[in-house]
Amino acid sequence: MTRLTEQQIKRQDFVDNEVFRLIQRLFPANKQVKWDIEVIGAVRDVIQNEVDKKKVMNKKQFYPFLKI
């Protein structure tokens, strides 16, 4: 069974946390934003598309994943 490495999991956590921080900063200061992985994933996908266009890194470098 293939698994993500600890480094890959840390990268996923880093990206998800940074996207969540961005969402929080974009909302008014008096509004509390709850963690919602669906929203985080949607924003992450948009960023991923831009990373792909710029060829900064490949998909797995940006957000490691396993093919099922």
N, C-alpha and C. Protein backbone atom coordinates (compact mmCIF):
# COMPACT_ATOMS: atom_id res chain seq x y z
N MET A 1 0.84 -1.18 0.00
CA MET A 1 0.00 0.00 0.00
C MET A 1 0.88 1.24 0.00
N THR A 2 0.69 2.10 -0.97
CA THR A 2 1.46 3.32 -1.09
C THR A 2 0.90 4.38 -0.15
N ARG A 3 1.80 5.13 0.47
CA ARG A 3 1.39 6.18 1.40
C ARG A 3 2.20 7.44 1.12
N LEU A 4 1.65 8.56 1.53
CA LEU A 4 2.40 9.80 1.45
C LEU A 4 3.51 9.78 2.50
N THR A 5 4.60 10.42 2.18
CA THR A 5 5.68 10.54 3.16
C THR A 5 5.33 11.62 4.17
N GLU A 6 6.06 11.63 5.25
CA GLU A 6 5.85 12.67 6.28
C GLU A 6 6.05 14.05 5.67
N GLN A 7 7.04 14.20 4.82
CA GLN A 7 7.31 15.48 4.16
C GLN A 7 6.13 15.89 3.26
N GLN A 8 5.55 14.94 2.55
CA GLN A 8 4.41 15.24 1.68
C GLN A 8 3.19 15.66 2.51
N ILE A 9 2.98 14.98 3.62
CA ILE A 9 1.86 15.34 4.50
C ILE A 9 2.07 16.73 5.07
N LYS A 10 3.30 17.04 5.45
CA LYS A 10 3.60 18.39 5.95
C LYS A 10 3.34 19.44 4.88
N ARG A 11 3.67 19.12 3.63
CA ARG A 11 3.41 20.06 2.53
C ARG A 11 1.91 20.27 2.35
N GLN A 12 1.12 19.20 2.41
CA GLN A 12 -0.34 19.34 2.32
C GLN A 12 -0.86 20.23 3.44
N ASP A 13 -0.41 19.97 4.66
CA ASP A 13 -0.84 20.77 5.81
C ASP A 13 -0.46 22.24 5.62
N PHE A 14 0.76 22.48 5.15
CA PHE A 14 1.23 23.84 4.93
C PHE A 14 0.33 24.56 3.92
N VAL A 15 0.07 23.92 2.79
CA VAL A 15 -0.74 24.55 1.74
C VAL A 15 -2.16 24.81 2.26
N ASP A 16 -2.78 23.83 2.89
CA ASP A 16 -4.14 24.01 3.40
C ASP A 16 -4.20 25.11 4.45
N ASN A 17 -3.22 25.16 5.33
CA ASN A 17 -3.20 26.19 6.36
C ASN A 17 -2.99 27.58 5.77
N GLU A 18 -2.13 27.69 4.77
CA GLU A 18 -1.89 28.99 4.13
C GLU A 18 -3.13 29.47 3.38
N VAL A 19 -3.81 28.55 2.71
CA VAL A 19 -5.06 28.92 2.01
C VAL A 19 -6.09 29.38 3.03
N PHE A 20 -6.20 28.69 4.15
CA PHE A 20 -7.16 29.08 5.19
C PHE A 20 -6.81 30.45 5.75
N ARG A 21 -5.53 30.72 5.98
CA ARG A 21 -5.11 32.04 6.47
C ARG A 21 -5.48 33.14 5.47
N LEU A 22 -5.30 32.85 4.19
CA LEU A 22 -5.67 33.81 3.15
C LEU A 22 -7.17 34.11 3.21
N ILE A 23 -7.97 33.07 3.30
CA ILE A 23 -9.43 33.24 3.39
C ILE A 23 -9.77 34.09 4.62
N GLN A 24 -9.16 33.79 5.75
CA GLN A 24 -9.41 34.55 6.97
C GLN A 24 -9.07 36.02 6.78
N ARG A 25 -7.94 36.31 6.15
CA ARG A 25 -7.50 37.70 5.97
C ARG A 25 -8.41 38.46 5.01
N LEU A 26 -9.03 37.77 4.08
CA LEU A 26 -9.90 38.42 3.11
C LEU A 26 -11.28 38.74 3.66
N PHE A 27 -11.68 38.07 4.73
CA PHE A 27 -12.96 38.34 5.36
C PHE A 27 -12.83 39.54 6.28
N PRO A 28 -13.93 40.24 6.55
CA PRO A 28 -13.87 41.35 7.51
C PRO A 28 -13.36 40.87 8.87
N ALA A 29 -12.66 41.74 9.57
CA ALA A 29 -12.04 41.38 10.85
C ALA A 29 -13.06 40.90 11.87
N ASN A 30 -14.29 41.38 11.77
CA ASN A 30 -15.30 41.01 12.77
C ASN A 30 -16.05 39.72 12.41
N LYS A 31 -15.66 39.08 11.32
CA LYS A 31 -16.31 37.82 10.91
C LYS A 31 -15.38 36.65 11.17
N GLN A 32 -15.89 35.66 11.86
CA GLN A 32 -15.10 34.46 12.13
C GLN A 32 -15.31 33.46 10.99
N VAL A 33 -14.21 32.94 10.49
CA VAL A 33 -14.26 31.96 9.41
C VAL A 33 -13.96 30.59 9.99
N LYS A 34 -14.83 29.63 9.73
CA LYS A 34 -14.61 28.27 10.21
C LYS A 34 -13.86 27.47 9.16
N TRP A 35 -13.08 26.53 9.62
CA TRP A 35 -12.34 25.63 8.76
C TRP A 35 -13.34 24.84 7.92
N ASP A 36 -13.21 24.92 6.61
CA ASP A 36 -14.08 24.18 5.70
C ASP A 36 -13.21 23.66 4.57
N ILE A 37 -12.87 22.37 4.61
CA ILE A 37 -11.93 21.81 3.66
C ILE A 37 -12.46 21.88 2.23
N GLU A 38 -13.78 21.91 2.04
CA GLU A 38 -14.32 22.05 0.68
C GLU A 38 -13.99 23.43 0.11
N VAL A 39 -14.13 24.46 0.91
CA VAL A 39 -13.80 25.82 0.47
C VAL A 39 -12.29 25.94 0.28
N ILE A 40 -11.54 25.42 1.23
CA ILE A 40 -10.08 25.44 1.13
C ILE A 40 -9.64 24.71 -0.14
N GLY A 41 -10.23 23.56 -0.40
CA GLY A 41 -9.88 22.80 -1.60
C GLY A 41 -10.21 23.54 -2.88
N ALA A 42 -11.34 24.24 -2.90
CA ALA A 42 -11.72 25.00 -4.09
C ALA A 42 -10.73 26.12 -4.36
N VAL A 43 -10.33 26.84 -3.31
CA VAL A 43 -9.34 27.92 -3.46
C VAL A 43 -7.99 27.32 -3.85
N ARG A 44 -7.63 26.23 -3.22
CA ARG A 44 -6.36 25.56 -3.53
C ARG A 44 -6.32 25.14 -5.00
N ASP A 45 -7.44 24.65 -5.53
CA ASP A 45 -7.50 24.24 -6.94
C ASP A 45 -7.26 25.42 -7.88
N VAL A 46 -7.82 26.57 -7.55
CA VAL A 46 -7.61 27.77 -8.38
C VAL A 46 -6.14 28.16 -8.35
N ILE A 47 -5.54 28.14 -7.17
CA ILE A 47 -4.11 28.46 -7.06
C ILE A 47 -3.29 27.43 -7.83
N GLN A 48 -3.66 26.17 -7.71
CA GLN A 48 -2.96 25.10 -8.43
C GLN A 48 -2.99 25.34 -9.93
N ASN A 49 -4.13 25.76 -10.45
CA ASN A 49 -4.24 26.05 -11.88
C ASN A 49 -3.27 27.15 -12.30
N GLU A 50 -3.13 28.16 -11.48
CA GLU A 50 -2.21 29.26 -11.79
C GLU A 50 -0.76 28.80 -11.71
N VAL A 51 -0.46 27.97 -10.72
CA VAL A 51 0.89 27.39 -10.60
C VAL A 51 1.21 26.56 -11.84
N ASP A 52 0.22 25.79 -12.31
CA ASP A 52 0.40 24.97 -13.52
C ASP A 52 0.68 25.85 -14.74
N LYS A 53 -0.07 26.93 -14.88
CA LYS A 53 0.12 27.83 -16.03
C LYS A 53 1.51 28.44 -16.05
N LYS A 54 2.01 28.79 -14.87
CA LYS A 54 3.32 29.43 -14.76
C LYS A 54 4.46 28.42 -14.75
N LYS A 55 4.11 27.15 -14.66
CA LYS A 55 5.10 26.06 -14.62
C LYS A 55 6.14 26.28 -13.52
N VAL A 56 5.64 26.73 -12.38
CA VAL A 56 6.50 26.98 -11.22
C VAL A 56 6.94 25.66 -10.59
N MET A 57 6.00 24.73 -10.53
CA MET A 57 6.26 23.39 -9.99
C MET A 57 5.16 22.48 -10.50
N ASN A 58 5.36 21.19 -10.39
CA ASN A 58 4.31 20.28 -10.85
C ASN A 58 3.25 20.10 -9.76
N LYS A 59 2.16 19.43 -10.14
CA LYS A 59 1.03 19.27 -9.23
C LYS A 59 1.42 18.59 -7.92
N LYS A 60 2.23 17.55 -8.01
CA LYS A 60 2.62 16.82 -6.80
C LYS A 60 3.58 17.62 -5.92
N GLN A 61 4.34 18.51 -6.51
CA GLN A 61 5.21 19.37 -5.71
C GLN A 61 4.37 20.40 -4.96
N PHE A 62 3.37 20.93 -5.65
CA PHE A 62 2.51 21.93 -5.01
C PHE A 62 1.67 21.31 -3.90
N TYR A 63 1.00 20.22 -4.23
CA TYR A 63 0.12 19.54 -3.27
C TYR A 63 0.21 18.03 -3.51
N PRO A 64 1.08 17.36 -2.76
CA PRO A 64 1.28 15.92 -2.97
C PRO A 64 -0.02 15.13 -2.85
N PHE A 65 -0.14 14.11 -3.68
CA PHE A 65 -1.34 13.26 -3.66
C PHE A 65 -0.96 11.87 -4.17
N LEU A 66 -1.85 10.94 -3.92
CA LEU A 66 -1.69 9.58 -4.41
C LEU A 66 -2.76 9.32 -5.45
N LYS A 67 -2.40 8.61 -6.50
CA LYS A 67 -3.40 8.20 -7.48
C LYS A 67 -4.08 6.94 -6.97
N ILE A 68 -5.37 6.93 -7.05
CA ILE A 68 -6.15 5.78 -6.55
C ILE A 68 -6.50 4.87 -7.70
